[in-house]
Amino acid sequence: MNIIIIRPCAIGDLIVTLPTIGAIRNHFHNAHIEIMGYPTYLELVKGRFYADSVSRFDHADVAPLFVKNVRIPLETMKRFGNTDQVISFVSDREGVFIANIRAAGAGNVIYYESFPIDEQGIHIADHFLKLLDRMSINSSFRMPKIFLSHDDVLSGSAFIKSRVADFQKTLVVVHPGSGSRQKCWPVERYAELIAWLNDKMNAQVIVVAGHADDDVIEKLRMKVKSVIVADRLPLPALAAVIKQCALFVGNDSGITHIAAALGIKTVAIFGPVDPDLWAPLGEQVKVIYKRLDCSPCLPDVRRDCCHQVCLEHVTVEDVISEIKSFNGHFQLP
């Protein structure tokens, strides 16, 4: 059986879909599952339980599928014509995309809306799990989980060995960036937190960064001199670095979702977005969120907000308190 799951999305959106994709994987355990999306992000799942293969959603052959009465390319006909099941999470209110996939010869085709429309207060991961009822699939787990390969683990270990001088220190990961600057806790407070981690936890802090984090990292470097930066690592290698650390602190970002899904102690700092809907899920996750009169923000309001009062209300002491509340081997004063 051949299954194509179409899920073009950012990292965090992919992570919250993993419980649903995992249930499909378990139900059709002998099937070949291909996930179509953005390969840089899909490396997290390619050959790592969820997907046997991945493909590009932004390929030229996909674009015509959004056009009414289009002549479907021969390669697209061949591709979907050999597919028994297609599950699309692509917004398609008019049904053009789905109609063209059916016209290309795909077997059973399911369209599922990526964002809840009428469901109030439901976490996005639970929204996706409702798809399983339509497919008569049982699911026994709600928490996303990331599976690392042996090579991933070796890559993570090699990075840490090449950068960390004192292995007696507690390894802590900090991600001060996000895909949206409106979700970023002030850099000055990250600098103060890192100083506390170094002094009071005897920690070696590893700061992770992606393409969207250049400005934040530059500002942080000006305030914190002795910091290790894991910059632009492939996602599986980055996940392997995070997995070997005792604690993660970060903003509302895809990297924070990765840390939670890896099962390490995670402190997530939320501001304009409602964590009831979007909090990272994991067995050791603590979310800091100061709900104000203006919370949560609508996307248009968030984009134009210059004050970030919601994040300003989160103090360094708030974050330290959550770190101390973890049960574990932290050597705290």
C-alpha atoms as a PDB file:
ATOM      1  CA  MET A   1       0.000   0.000   0.000  1.00  0.00           C
ATOM      2  CA  ASN A   2       1.284   3.468  -0.915  1.00  0.00           C
ATOM      3  CA  ILE A   3       0.257   6.472   1.186  1.00  0.00           C
ATOM      4  CA  ILE A   4       1.079  10.128   0.582  1.00  0.00           C
ATOM      5  CA  ILE A   5       0.571  12.595   3.433  1.00  0.00           C
ATOM      6  CA  ILE A   6       0.690  16.204   2.241  1.00  0.00           C
ATOM      7  CA  ARG A   7       1.819  18.459   5.101  1.00  0.00           C
ATOM      8  CA  PRO A   8       3.689  21.599   3.973  1.00  0.00           C
ATOM      9  CA  CYS A   9       4.288  23.546   7.176  1.00  0.00           C
ATOM     10  CA  ALA A  10       6.748  24.992   9.657  1.00  0.00           C
ATOM     11  CA  ILE A  11       8.603  22.892  12.228  1.00  0.00           C
ATOM     12  CA  GLY A  12       6.179  23.324  15.117  1.00  0.00           C
ATOM     13  CA  ASP A  13       3.190  22.556  12.901  1.00  0.00           C
ATOM     14  CA  LEU A  14       4.882  19.344  11.801  1.00  0.00           C
ATOM     15  CA  ILE A  15       5.616  18.292  15.385  1.00  0.00           C
ATOM     16  CA  VAL A  16       2.010  18.692  16.574  1.00  0.00           C
ATOM     17  CA  THR A  17       0.904  16.502  13.658  1.00  0.00           C
ATOM     18  CA  LEU A  18       3.234  13.639  14.628  1.00  0.00           C
ATOM     19  CA  PRO A  19       0.802  11.822  16.966  1.00  0.00           C
ATOM     20  CA  THR A  20      -1.675  11.588  14.086  1.00  0.00           C
ATOM     21  CA  ILE A  21       0.948  10.543  11.542  1.00  0.00           C
ATOM     22  CA  GLY A  22       2.308   8.030  14.062  1.00  0.00           C
ATOM     23  CA  ALA A  23      -1.119   6.447  14.493  1.00  0.00           C
ATOM     24  CA  ILE A  24      -1.443   6.157  10.705  1.00  0.00           C
ATOM     25  CA  ARG A  25       2.041   4.599  10.579  1.00  0.00           C
ATOM     26  CA  ASN A  26       1.089   2.026  13.228  1.00  0.00           C
ATOM     27  CA  HIS A  27      -2.230   1.198  11.570  1.00  0.00           C
ATOM     28  CA  PHE A  28      -0.723   0.748   8.089  1.00  0.00           C
ATOM     29  CA  HIS A  29       2.537  -0.693   9.386  1.00  0.00           C
ATOM     30  CA  ASN A  30       3.437  -2.418   6.089  1.00  0.00           C
ATOM     31  CA  ALA A  31       2.639   0.589   3.902  1.00  0.00           C
ATOM     32  CA  HIS A  32       5.123   2.846   2.156  1.00  0.00           C
ATOM     33  CA  ILE A  33       4.442   6.316   3.563  1.00  0.00           C
ATOM     34  CA  GLU A  34       5.649   9.417   1.765  1.00  0.00           C
ATOM     35  CA  ILE A  35       5.281  12.850   3.355  1.00  0.00           C
ATOM     36  CA  MET A  36       5.156  15.805   0.991  1.00  0.00           C
ATOM     37  CA  GLY A  37       6.226  19.141   2.422  1.00  0.00           C
ATOM     38  CA  TYR A  38       9.473  21.002   2.938  1.00  0.00           C
ATOM     39  CA  PRO A  39      12.394  18.533   2.948  1.00  0.00           C
ATOM     40  CA  THR A  40      14.595  20.583   5.311  1.00  0.00           C
ATOM     41  CA  TYR A  41      12.004  20.065   8.050  1.00  0.00           C
ATOM     42  CA  LEU A  42      10.981  16.582   6.942  1.00  0.00           C
ATOM     43  CA  GLU A  43      14.500  15.270   7.585  1.00  0.00           C
ATOM     44  CA  LEU A  44      13.260  14.898  11.165  1.00  0.00           C
ATOM     45  CA  VAL A  45      10.885  12.136  10.060  1.00  0.00           C
ATOM     46  CA  LYS A  46      12.479  10.669   6.931  1.00  0.00           C
ATOM     47  CA  GLY A  47      13.564   7.129   7.713  1.00  0.00           C
ATOM     48  CA  ARG A  48      12.811   7.831  11.354  1.00  0.00           C
ATOM     49  CA  PHE A  49       9.589   5.844  11.891  1.00  0.00           C
ATOM     50  CA  TYR A  50       7.083   8.263  10.371  1.00  0.00           C
ATOM     51  CA  ALA A  51       8.096   8.419   6.699  1.00  0.00           C
ATOM     52  CA  ASP A  52       9.783   6.011   4.314  1.00  0.00           C
ATOM     53  CA  SER A  53      10.380   8.891   1.908  1.00  0.00           C
ATOM     54  CA  VAL A  54       9.744  12.620   1.593  1.00  0.00           C
ATOM     55  CA  SER A  55       9.109  14.914  -1.360  1.00  0.00           C
ATOM     56  CA  ARG A  56       8.881  18.603  -2.151  1.00  0.00           C
ATOM     57  CA  PHE A  57       5.532  20.338  -1.988  1.00  0.00           C
ATOM     58  CA  ASP A  58       7.053  23.380  -3.704  1.00  0.00           C
ATOM     59  CA  HIS A  59       7.903  21.342  -6.812  1.00  0.00           C
ATOM     60  CA  ALA A  60       6.808  22.747 -10.176  1.00  0.00           C
ATOM     61  CA  ASP A  61       4.565  19.728 -10.850  1.00  0.00           C
ATOM     62  CA  VAL A  62       2.466  20.485  -7.751  1.00  0.00           C
ATOM     63  CA  ALA A  63       1.515  24.075  -8.636  1.00  0.00           C
ATOM     64  CA  PRO A  64      -0.944  23.136 -11.456  1.00  0.00           C
ATOM     65  CA  LEU A  65      -3.010  21.131  -8.959  1.00  0.00           C
ATOM     66  CA  PHE A  66      -4.356  24.415  -7.578  1.00  0.00           C
ATOM     67  CA  VAL A  67      -5.809  25.456 -10.963  1.00  0.00           C
ATOM     68  CA  LYS A  68      -9.343  24.586 -12.045  1.00  0.00           C
ATOM     69  CA  ASN A  69      -9.742  22.446 -15.177  1.00  0.00           C
ATOM     70  CA  VAL A  70      -5.982  22.141 -15.526  1.00  0.00           C
ATOM     71  CA  ARG A  71      -4.236  19.612 -17.689  1.00  0.00           C
ATOM     72  CA  ILE A  72      -2.418  17.559 -15.090  1.00  0.00           C
ATOM     73  CA  PRO A  73       1.271  16.846 -15.904  1.00  0.00           C
ATOM     74  CA  LEU A  74       2.045  13.267 -16.889  1.00  0.00           C
ATOM     75  CA  GLU A  75       4.555  12.816 -14.057  1.00  0.00           C
ATOM     76  CA  THR A  76       1.915  13.914 -11.544  1.00  0.00           C
ATOM     77  CA  MET A  77      -0.563  11.428 -13.069  1.00  0.00           C
ATOM     78  CA  LYS A  78       1.981   8.643 -12.663  1.00  0.00           C
ATOM     79  CA  ARG A  79       2.759   9.633  -9.133  1.00  0.00           C
ATOM     80  CA  PHE A  80      -0.743   9.872  -7.730  1.00  0.00           C
ATOM     81  CA  GLY A  81      -2.056   7.118  -9.976  1.00  0.00           C
ATOM     82  CA  ASN A  82       0.099   4.648  -8.042  1.00  0.00           C
ATOM     83  CA  THR A  83      -1.089   5.930  -4.650  1.00  0.00           C
ATOM     84  CA  ASP A  84      -3.737   4.081  -2.634  1.00  0.00           C
ATOM     85  CA  GLN A  85      -4.322   6.769  -0.008  1.00  0.00           C
ATOM     86  CA  VAL A  86      -3.722  10.524  -0.027  1.00  0.00           C
ATOM     87  CA  ILE A  87      -4.213  12.615   3.112  1.00  0.00           C
ATOM     88  CA  SER A  88      -3.969  16.347   2.509  1.00  0.00           C
ATOM     89  CA  PHE A  89      -3.605  18.998   5.198  1.00  0.00           C
ATOM     90  CA  VAL A  90      -3.419  21.779   2.596  1.00  0.00           C
ATOM     91  CA  SER A  91      -6.025  24.539   2.924  1.00  0.00           C
ATOM     92  CA  ASP A  92      -8.429  23.906   0.047  1.00  0.00           C
ATOM     93  CA  ARG A  93     -11.825  25.478   0.789  1.00  0.00           C
ATOM     94  CA  GLU A  94     -12.946  25.313  -2.844  1.00  0.00           C
ATOM     95  CA  GLY A  95     -11.779  21.730  -3.267  1.00  0.00           C
ATOM     96  CA  VAL A  96      -9.715  22.390  -6.394  1.00  0.00           C
ATOM     97  CA  PHE A  97      -6.536  20.758  -5.105  1.00  0.00           C
ATOM     98  CA  ILE A  98      -8.335  17.624  -3.910  1.00  0.00           C
ATOM     99  CA  ALA A  99     -10.362  17.348  -7.110  1.00  0.00           C
ATOM    100  CA  ASN A 100      -7.187  17.425  -9.190  1.00  0.00           C
ATOM    101  CA  ILE A 101      -5.509  14.781  -7.033  1.00  0.00           C
ATOM    102  CA  ARG A 102      -8.537  12.536  -7.578  1.00  0.00           C
ATOM    103  CA  ALA A 103      -8.421  13.304 -11.304  1.00  0.00           C
ATOM    104  CA  ALA A 104      -4.764  12.248 -11.296  1.00  0.00           C
ATOM    105  CA  GLY A 105      -5.906   8.760 -10.328  1.00  0.00           C
ATOM    106  CA  ALA A 106      -5.248   8.588  -6.601  1.00  0.00           C
ATOM    107  CA  GLY A 107      -7.229   6.012  -4.644  1.00  0.00           C
ATOM    108  CA  ASN A 108      -8.905   7.197  -1.466  1.00  0.00           C
ATOM    109  CA  VAL A 109      -8.347  10.937  -0.933  1.00  0.00           C
ATOM    110  CA  ILE A 110      -8.970  12.669   2.399  1.00  0.00           C
ATOM    111  CA  TYR A 111      -8.890  16.415   2.959  1.00  0.00           C
ATOM    112  CA  TYR A 112      -8.481  17.657   6.521  1.00  0.00           C
ATOM    113  CA  GLU A 113      -8.417  21.330   7.494  1.00  0.00           C
ATOM    114  CA  SER A 114      -5.124  22.342   9.089  1.00  0.00           C
ATOM    115  CA  PHE A 115      -6.635  24.820  11.534  1.00  0.00           C
ATOM    116  CA  PRO A 116      -9.741  24.365  13.689  1.00  0.00           C
ATOM    117  CA  ILE A 117     -12.630  26.500  12.473  1.00  0.00           C
ATOM    118  CA  ASP A 118     -15.512  25.801  14.831  1.00  0.00           C
ATOM    119  CA  GLU A 119     -13.585  24.139  17.653  1.00  0.00           C
ATOM    120  CA  GLN A 120     -12.948  26.500  20.559  1.00  0.00           C
ATOM    121  CA  GLY A 121     -10.105  25.939  22.990  1.00  0.00           C
ATOM    122  CA  ILE A 122      -8.924  22.630  21.516  1.00  0.00           C
ATOM    123  CA  HIS A 123      -5.202  22.045  21.269  1.00  0.00           C
ATOM    124  CA  ILE A 124      -4.034  21.819  17.671  1.00  0.00           C
ATOM    125  CA  ALA A 125      -2.642  18.305  18.223  1.00  0.00           C
ATOM    126  CA  ASP A 126      -6.077  17.125  19.403  1.00  0.00           C
ATOM    127  CA  HIS A 127      -7.624  18.723  16.331  1.00  0.00           C
ATOM    128  CA  PHE A 128      -5.429  16.565  14.106  1.00  0.00           C
ATOM    129  CA  LEU A 129      -6.158  13.439  16.139  1.00  0.00           C
ATOM    130  CA  LYS A 130      -9.844  13.825  15.288  1.00  0.00           C
ATOM    131  CA  LEU A 131      -8.932  12.823  11.734  1.00  0.00           C
ATOM    132  CA  LEU A 132      -8.331   9.303  13.031  1.00  0.00           C
ATOM    133  CA  ASP A 133     -12.046   8.882  13.830  1.00  0.00           C
ATOM    134  CA  ARG A 134     -12.827   9.432  10.147  1.00  0.00           C
ATOM    135  CA  MET A 135     -10.283   6.768   9.250  1.00  0.00           C
ATOM    136  CA  SER A 136     -11.416   4.307  11.960  1.00  0.00           C
ATOM    137  CA  ILE A 137      -7.911   4.323  13.429  1.00  0.00           C
ATOM    138  CA  ASN A 138      -7.231   3.984  17.139  1.00  0.00           C
ATOM    139  CA  SER A 139      -4.544   6.061  18.802  1.00  0.00           C
ATOM    140  CA  SER A 140      -2.984   5.369  22.166  1.00  0.00           C
ATOM    141  CA  PHE A 141      -0.679   8.374  22.453  1.00  0.00           C
ATOM    142  CA  ARG A 142      -1.148  12.141  22.288  1.00  0.00           C
ATOM    143  CA  MET A 143       2.396  13.325  22.889  1.00  0.00           C
ATOM    144  CA  PRO A 144       4.628  13.927  19.867  1.00  0.00           C
ATOM    145  CA  LYS A 145       7.808  11.897  19.827  1.00  0.00           C
ATOM    146  CA  ILE A 146      10.957  12.273  17.741  1.00  0.00           C
ATOM    147  CA  PHE A 147      12.994   9.205  16.855  1.00  0.00           C
ATOM    148  CA  LEU A 148      16.703   9.758  16.270  1.00  0.00           C
ATOM    149  CA  SER A 149      18.859   7.503  14.131  1.00  0.00           C
ATOM    150  CA  HIS A 150      22.231   6.154  15.221  1.00  0.00           C
ATOM    151  CA  ASP A 151      23.940   8.614  12.882  1.00  0.00           C
ATOM    152  CA  ASP A 152      21.949  11.486  14.391  1.00  0.00           C
ATOM    153  CA  VAL A 153      23.174  10.568  17.858  1.00  0.00           C
ATOM    154  CA  LEU A 154      26.761  10.368  16.639  1.00  0.00           C
ATOM    155  CA  SER A 155      26.451  13.812  15.001  1.00  0.00           C
ATOM    156  CA  GLY A 156      25.097  15.329  18.197  1.00  0.00           C
ATOM    157  CA  SER A 157      27.822  13.741  20.295  1.00  0.00           C
ATOM    158  CA  ALA A 158      30.532  14.909  17.897  1.00  0.00           C
ATOM    159  CA  PHE A 159      29.286  18.494  18.068  1.00  0.00           C
ATOM    160  CA  ILE A 160      29.223  18.509  21.866  1.00  0.00           C
ATOM    161  CA  LYS A 161      32.666  16.902  22.165  1.00  0.00           C
ATOM    162  CA  SER A 162      34.103  19.482  19.776  1.00  0.00           C
ATOM    163  CA  ARG A 163      32.661  22.476  21.647  1.00  0.00           C
ATOM    164  CA  VAL A 164      32.310  21.607  25.329  1.00  0.00           C
ATOM    165  CA  ALA A 165      35.522  21.809  27.359  1.00  0.00           C
ATOM    166  CA  ASP A 166      34.219  20.766  30.785  1.00  0.00           C
ATOM    167  CA  PHE A 167      31.996  17.679  30.775  1.00  0.00           C
ATOM    168  CA  GLN A 168      31.315  18.046  34.495  1.00  0.00           C
ATOM    169  CA  LYS A 169      29.016  20.942  33.708  1.00  0.00           C
ATOM    170  CA  THR A 170      25.263  20.556  33.227  1.00  0.00           C
ATOM    171  CA  LEU A 171      24.387  21.023  29.554  1.00  0.00           C
ATOM    172  CA  VAL A 172      21.552  23.477  28.983  1.00  0.00           C
ATOM    173  CA  VAL A 173      20.087  24.550  25.643  1.00  0.00           C
ATOM    174  CA  VAL A 174      18.668  28.032  25.135  1.00  0.00           C
ATOM    175  CA  HIS A 175      16.821  29.196  22.018  1.00  0.00           C
ATOM    176  CA  PRO A 176      16.291  32.970  22.153  1.00  0.00           C
ATOM    177  CA  GLY A 177      14.788  33.196  18.666  1.00  0.00           C
ATOM    178  CA  SER A 178      11.585  32.267  16.885  1.00  0.00           C
ATOM    179  CA  GLY A 179      10.058  32.409  13.437  1.00  0.00           C
ATOM    180  CA  SER A 180       8.303  35.580  14.571  1.00  0.00           C
ATOM    181  CA  ARG A 181      10.074  38.382  16.438  1.00  0.00           C
ATOM    182  CA  GLN A 182       6.819  39.103  18.289  1.00  0.00           C
ATOM    183  CA  LYS A 183       7.233  35.776  20.105  1.00  0.00           C
ATOM    184  CA  CYS A 184      10.734  36.513  21.405  1.00  0.00           C
ATOM    185  CA  TRP A 185      11.408  37.165  25.085  1.00  0.00           C
ATOM    186  CA  PRO A 186      13.822  40.139  25.441  1.00  0.00           C
ATOM    187  CA  VAL A 187      17.446  39.290  24.675  1.00  0.00           C
ATOM    188  CA  GLU A 188      18.585  41.141  27.791  1.00  0.00           C
ATOM    189  CA  ARG A 189      16.652  38.686  29.944  1.00  0.00           C
ATOM    190  CA  TYR A 190      18.121  35.693  28.135  1.00  0.00           C
ATOM    191  CA  ALA A 191      21.563  37.141  28.865  1.00  0.00           C
ATOM    192  CA  GLU A 192      20.666  37.467  32.557  1.00  0.00           C
ATOM    193  CA  LEU A 193      19.263  33.929  32.593  1.00  0.00           C
ATOM    194  CA  ILE A 194      22.417  32.524  30.985  1.00  0.00           C
ATOM    195  CA  ALA A 195      24.540  34.258  33.621  1.00  0.00           C
ATOM    196  CA  TRP A 196      22.432  32.614  36.346  1.00  0.00           C
ATOM    197  CA  LEU A 197      22.672  29.205  34.658  1.00  0.00           C
ATOM    198  CA  ASN A 198      26.456  29.515  34.460  1.00  0.00           C
ATOM    199  CA  ASP A 199      26.837  30.713  38.028  1.00  0.00           C
ATOM    200  CA  LYS A 200      24.178  28.834  39.989  1.00  0.00           C
ATOM    201  CA  MET A 201      23.715  25.648  37.964  1.00  0.00           C
ATOM    202  CA  ASN A 202      27.333  25.254  36.882  1.00  0.00           C
ATOM    203  CA  ALA A 203      25.893  24.972  33.395  1.00  0.00           C
ATOM    204  CA  GLN A 204      27.431  25.006  29.967  1.00  0.00           C
ATOM    205  CA  VAL A 205      24.862  26.823  27.855  1.00  0.00           C
ATOM    206  CA  ILE A 206      24.448  25.936  24.189  1.00  0.00           C
ATOM    207  CA  VAL A 207      22.512  28.547  22.228  1.00  0.00           C
ATOM    208  CA  VAL A 208      20.731  27.146  19.186  1.00  0.00           C
ATOM    209  CA  ALA A 209      20.024  29.324  16.190  1.00  0.00           C
ATOM    210  CA  GLY A 210      18.402  29.101  12.784  1.00  0.00           C
ATOM    211  CA  HIS A 211      18.214  31.311   9.705  1.00  0.00           C
ATOM    212  CA  ALA A 212      15.624  33.595  11.303  1.00  0.00           C
ATOM    213  CA  ASP A 213      17.710  34.181  14.437  1.00  0.00           C
ATOM    214  CA  ASP A 214      20.720  36.132  13.154  1.00  0.00           C
ATOM    215  CA  ASP A 215      19.752  39.466  14.734  1.00  0.00           C
ATOM    216  CA  VAL A 216      18.865  37.895  18.070  1.00  0.00           C
ATOM    217  CA  ILE A 217      22.110  35.913  18.227  1.00  0.00           C
ATOM    218  CA  GLU A 218      24.196  38.967  17.325  1.00  0.00           C
ATOM    219  CA  LYS A 219      22.596  40.943  20.168  1.00  0.00           C
ATOM    220  CA  LEU A 220      23.116  38.053  22.576  1.00  0.00           C
ATOM    221  CA  ARG A 221      26.794  37.692  21.643  1.00  0.00           C
ATOM    222  CA  MET A 222      27.303  41.349  22.569  1.00  0.00           C
ATOM    223  CA  LYS A 223      25.993  40.650  26.075  1.00  0.00           C
ATOM    224  CA  VAL A 224      27.293  37.130  26.713  1.00  0.00           C
ATOM    225  CA  LYS A 225      30.889  36.387  25.726  1.00  0.00           C
ATOM    226  CA  SER A 226      31.388  32.736  26.665  1.00  0.00           C
ATOM    227  CA  VAL A 227      28.580  30.994  24.848  1.00  0.00           C
ATOM    228  CA  ILE A 228      28.496  28.054  22.440  1.00  0.00           C
ATOM    229  CA  VAL A 229      26.281  28.609  19.404  1.00  0.00           C
ATOM    230  CA  ALA A 230      24.814  25.681  17.478  1.00  0.00           C
ATOM    231  CA  ASP A 231      24.184  27.582  14.280  1.00  0.00           C
ATOM    232  CA  ARG A 232      22.229  26.172  11.328  1.00  0.00           C
ATOM    233  CA  LEU A 233      22.745  22.515  12.146  1.00  0.00           C
ATOM    234  CA  PRO A 234      20.583  20.075  10.162  1.00  0.00           C
ATOM    235  CA  LEU A 235      17.470  19.447  12.221  1.00  0.00           C
ATOM    236  CA  PRO A 236      18.252  15.799  13.076  1.00  0.00           C
ATOM    237  CA  ALA A 237      21.732  16.789  14.319  1.00  0.00           C
ATOM    238  CA  LEU A 238      20.264  19.724  16.248  1.00  0.00           C
ATOM    239  CA  ALA A 239      17.693  17.417  17.827  1.00  0.00           C
ATOM    240  CA  ALA A 240      20.497  15.050  18.826  1.00  0.00           C
ATOM    241  CA  VAL A 241      22.383  17.916  20.511  1.00  0.00           C
ATOM    242  CA  ILE A 242      19.257  18.950  22.422  1.00  0.00           C
ATOM    243  CA  LYS A 243      18.572  15.351  23.439  1.00  0.00           C
ATOM    244  CA  GLN A 244      21.911  15.128  25.238  1.00  0.00           C
ATOM    245  CA  CYS A 245      21.174  18.176  27.390  1.00  0.00           C
ATOM    246  CA  ALA A 246      19.450  18.306  30.766  1.00  0.00           C
ATOM    247  CA  LEU A 247      17.287  21.365  30.165  1.00  0.00           C
ATOM    248  CA  PHE A 248      15.877  23.505  27.364  1.00  0.00           C
ATOM    249  CA  VAL A 249      14.575  27.083  27.640  1.00  0.00           C
ATOM    250  CA  GLY A 250      13.048  28.795  24.642  1.00  0.00           C
ATOM    251  CA  ASN A 251      10.308  30.891  23.124  1.00  0.00           C
ATOM    252  CA  ASP A 252       7.147  29.805  21.341  1.00  0.00           C
ATOM    253  CA  SER A 253       8.993  28.215  18.420  1.00  0.00           C
ATOM    254  CA  GLY A 254       9.394  25.041  16.428  1.00  0.00           C
ATOM    255  CA  ILE A 255      12.670  24.283  18.201  1.00  0.00           C
ATOM    256  CA  THR A 256      10.861  24.344  21.543  1.00  0.00           C
ATOM    257  CA  HIS A 257       8.376  21.811  20.152  1.00  0.00           C
ATOM    258  CA  ILE A 258      11.332  19.623  19.168  1.00  0.00           C
ATOM    259  CA  ALA A 259      12.790  19.789  22.691  1.00  0.00           C
ATOM    260  CA  ALA A 260       9.436  18.840  24.224  1.00  0.00           C
ATOM    261  CA  ALA A 261       9.015  15.946  21.784  1.00  0.00           C
ATOM    262  CA  LEU A 262      12.493  14.679  22.709  1.00  0.00           C
ATOM    263  CA  GLY A 263      11.333  14.328  26.306  1.00  0.00           C
ATOM    264  CA  ILE A 264      13.848  16.633  27.983  1.00  0.00           C
ATOM    265  CA  LYS A 265      12.919  19.186  30.632  1.00  0.00           C
ATOM    266  CA  THR A 266      11.530  22.151  28.713  1.00  0.00           C
ATOM    267  CA  VAL A 267      10.551  25.660  29.760  1.00  0.00           C
ATOM    268  CA  ALA A 268       8.522  27.418  27.054  1.00  0.00           C
ATOM    269  CA  ILE A 269       7.986  31.185  27.244  1.00  0.00           C
ATOM    270  CA  PHE A 270       4.736  32.254  25.578  1.00  0.00           C
ATOM    271  CA  GLY A 271       3.566  35.776  24.812  1.00  0.00           C
ATOM    272  CA  PRO A 272       0.977  36.699  22.173  1.00  0.00           C
ATOM    273  CA  VAL A 273      -0.163  33.148  21.295  1.00  0.00           C
ATOM    274  CA  ASP A 274      -2.544  31.075  23.414  1.00  0.00           C
ATOM    275  CA  PRO A 275      -0.689  28.048  24.842  1.00  0.00           C
ATOM    276  CA  ASP A 276      -4.005  26.260  25.382  1.00  0.00           C
ATOM    277  CA  LEU A 277      -3.965  25.799  21.619  1.00  0.00           C
ATOM    278  CA  TRP A 278      -0.262  25.805  20.767  1.00  0.00           C
ATOM    279  CA  ALA A 279       1.815  24.804  23.791  1.00  0.00           C
ATOM    280  CA  PRO A 280       4.531  22.217  23.060  1.00  0.00           C
ATOM    281  CA  LEU A 281       3.437  18.817  24.301  1.00  0.00           C
ATOM    282  CA  GLY A 282       5.713  16.624  26.363  1.00  0.00           C
ATOM    283  CA  GLU A 283       5.954  14.832  29.659  1.00  0.00           C
ATOM    284  CA  GLN A 284       8.367  17.422  31.106  1.00  0.00           C
ATOM    285  CA  VAL A 285       7.111  20.738  29.761  1.00  0.00           C
ATOM    286  CA  LYS A 286       6.420  23.894  31.744  1.00  0.00           C
ATOM    287  CA  VAL A 287       4.810  26.872  30.016  1.00  0.00           C
ATOM    288  CA  ILE A 288       5.148  30.444  31.281  1.00  0.00           C
ATOM    289  CA  TYR A 289       2.301  32.650  30.094  1.00  0.00           C
ATOM    290  CA  LYS A 290       1.020  35.918  31.515  1.00  0.00           C
ATOM    291  CA  ARG A 291      -2.539  36.268  30.251  1.00  0.00           C
ATOM    292  CA  LEU A 292      -3.404  39.952  29.886  1.00  0.00           C
ATOM    293  CA  ASP A 293      -6.526  41.815  28.798  1.00  0.00           C
ATOM    294  CA  CYS A 294      -5.186  41.826  25.230  1.00  0.00           C
ATOM    295  CA  SER A 295      -4.228  38.140  25.258  1.00  0.00           C
ATOM    296  CA  PRO A 296      -4.101  36.232  23.031  1.00  0.00           C
ATOM    297  CA  CYS A 297      -3.330  38.382  20.007  1.00  0.00           C
ATOM    298  CA  LEU A 298      -4.981  38.052  16.640  1.00  0.00           C
ATOM    299  CA  PRO A 299      -2.317  37.651  13.918  1.00  0.00           C
ATOM    300  CA  ASP A 300      -2.915  41.129  12.456  1.00  0.00           C
ATOM    301  CA  VAL A 301      -2.727  42.766  15.878  1.00  0.00           C
ATOM    302  CA  ARG A 302       0.397  40.786  16.773  1.00  0.00           C
ATOM    303  CA  ARG A 303       2.136  41.855  13.590  1.00  0.00           C
ATOM    304  CA  ASP A 304       1.695  45.552  14.424  1.00  0.00           C
ATOM    305  CA  CYS A 305       2.344  45.304  18.169  1.00  0.00           C
ATOM    306  CA  CYS A 306       5.379  47.334  19.247  1.00  0.00           C
ATOM    307  CA  HIS A 307       5.086  46.884  23.013  1.00  0.00           C
ATOM    308  CA  GLN A 308       5.124  43.122  23.664  1.00  0.00           C
ATOM    309  CA  VAL A 309       3.723  43.728  27.120  1.00  0.00           C
ATOM    310  CA  CYS A 310       2.834  40.042  27.434  1.00  0.00           C
ATOM    311  CA  LEU A 311       6.497  39.037  27.151  1.00  0.00           C
ATOM    312  CA  GLU A 312       7.750  41.982  29.199  1.00  0.00           C
ATOM    313  CA  HIS A 313       5.647  40.656  32.098  1.00  0.00           C
ATOM    314  CA  VAL A 314       7.690  37.420  32.137  1.00  0.00           C
ATOM    315  CA  THR A 315      10.630  37.990  34.457  1.00  0.00           C
ATOM    316  CA  VAL A 316      13.915  36.142  34.773  1.00  0.00           C
ATOM    317  CA  GLU A 317      12.756  35.100  38.230  1.00  0.00           C
ATOM    318  CA  ASP A 318       9.659  33.489  36.662  1.00  0.00           C
ATOM    319  CA  VAL A 319      11.865  31.325  34.442  1.00  0.00           C
ATOM    320  CA  ILE A 320      14.268  30.458  37.265  1.00  0.00           C
ATOM    321  CA  SER A 321      11.318  29.443  39.446  1.00  0.00           C
ATOM    322  CA  GLU A 322      10.077  27.014  36.784  1.00  0.00           C
ATOM    323  CA  ILE A 323      13.559  25.556  36.350  1.00  0.00           C
ATOM    324  CA  LYS A 324      13.846  24.994  40.097  1.00  0.00           C
ATOM    325  CA  SER A 325      10.423  23.315  40.184  1.00  0.00           C
ATOM    326  CA  PHE A 326      11.629  20.431  38.053  1.00  0.00           C
ATOM    327  CA  ASN A 327      12.302  17.238  39.929  1.00  0.00           C
ATOM    328  CA  GLY A 328      15.680  15.972  38.841  1.00  0.00           C
ATOM    329  CA  HIS A 329      19.394  16.073  39.286  1.00  0.00           C
ATOM    330  CA  PHE A 330      19.856  19.810  38.949  1.00  0.00           C
ATOM    331  CA  GLN A 331      22.255  21.121  41.576  1.00  0.00           C
ATOM    332  CA  LEU A 332      20.441  24.276  42.514  1.00  0.00           C
ATOM    333  CA  PRO A 333      21.199  26.619  45.437  1.00  0.00           C
END
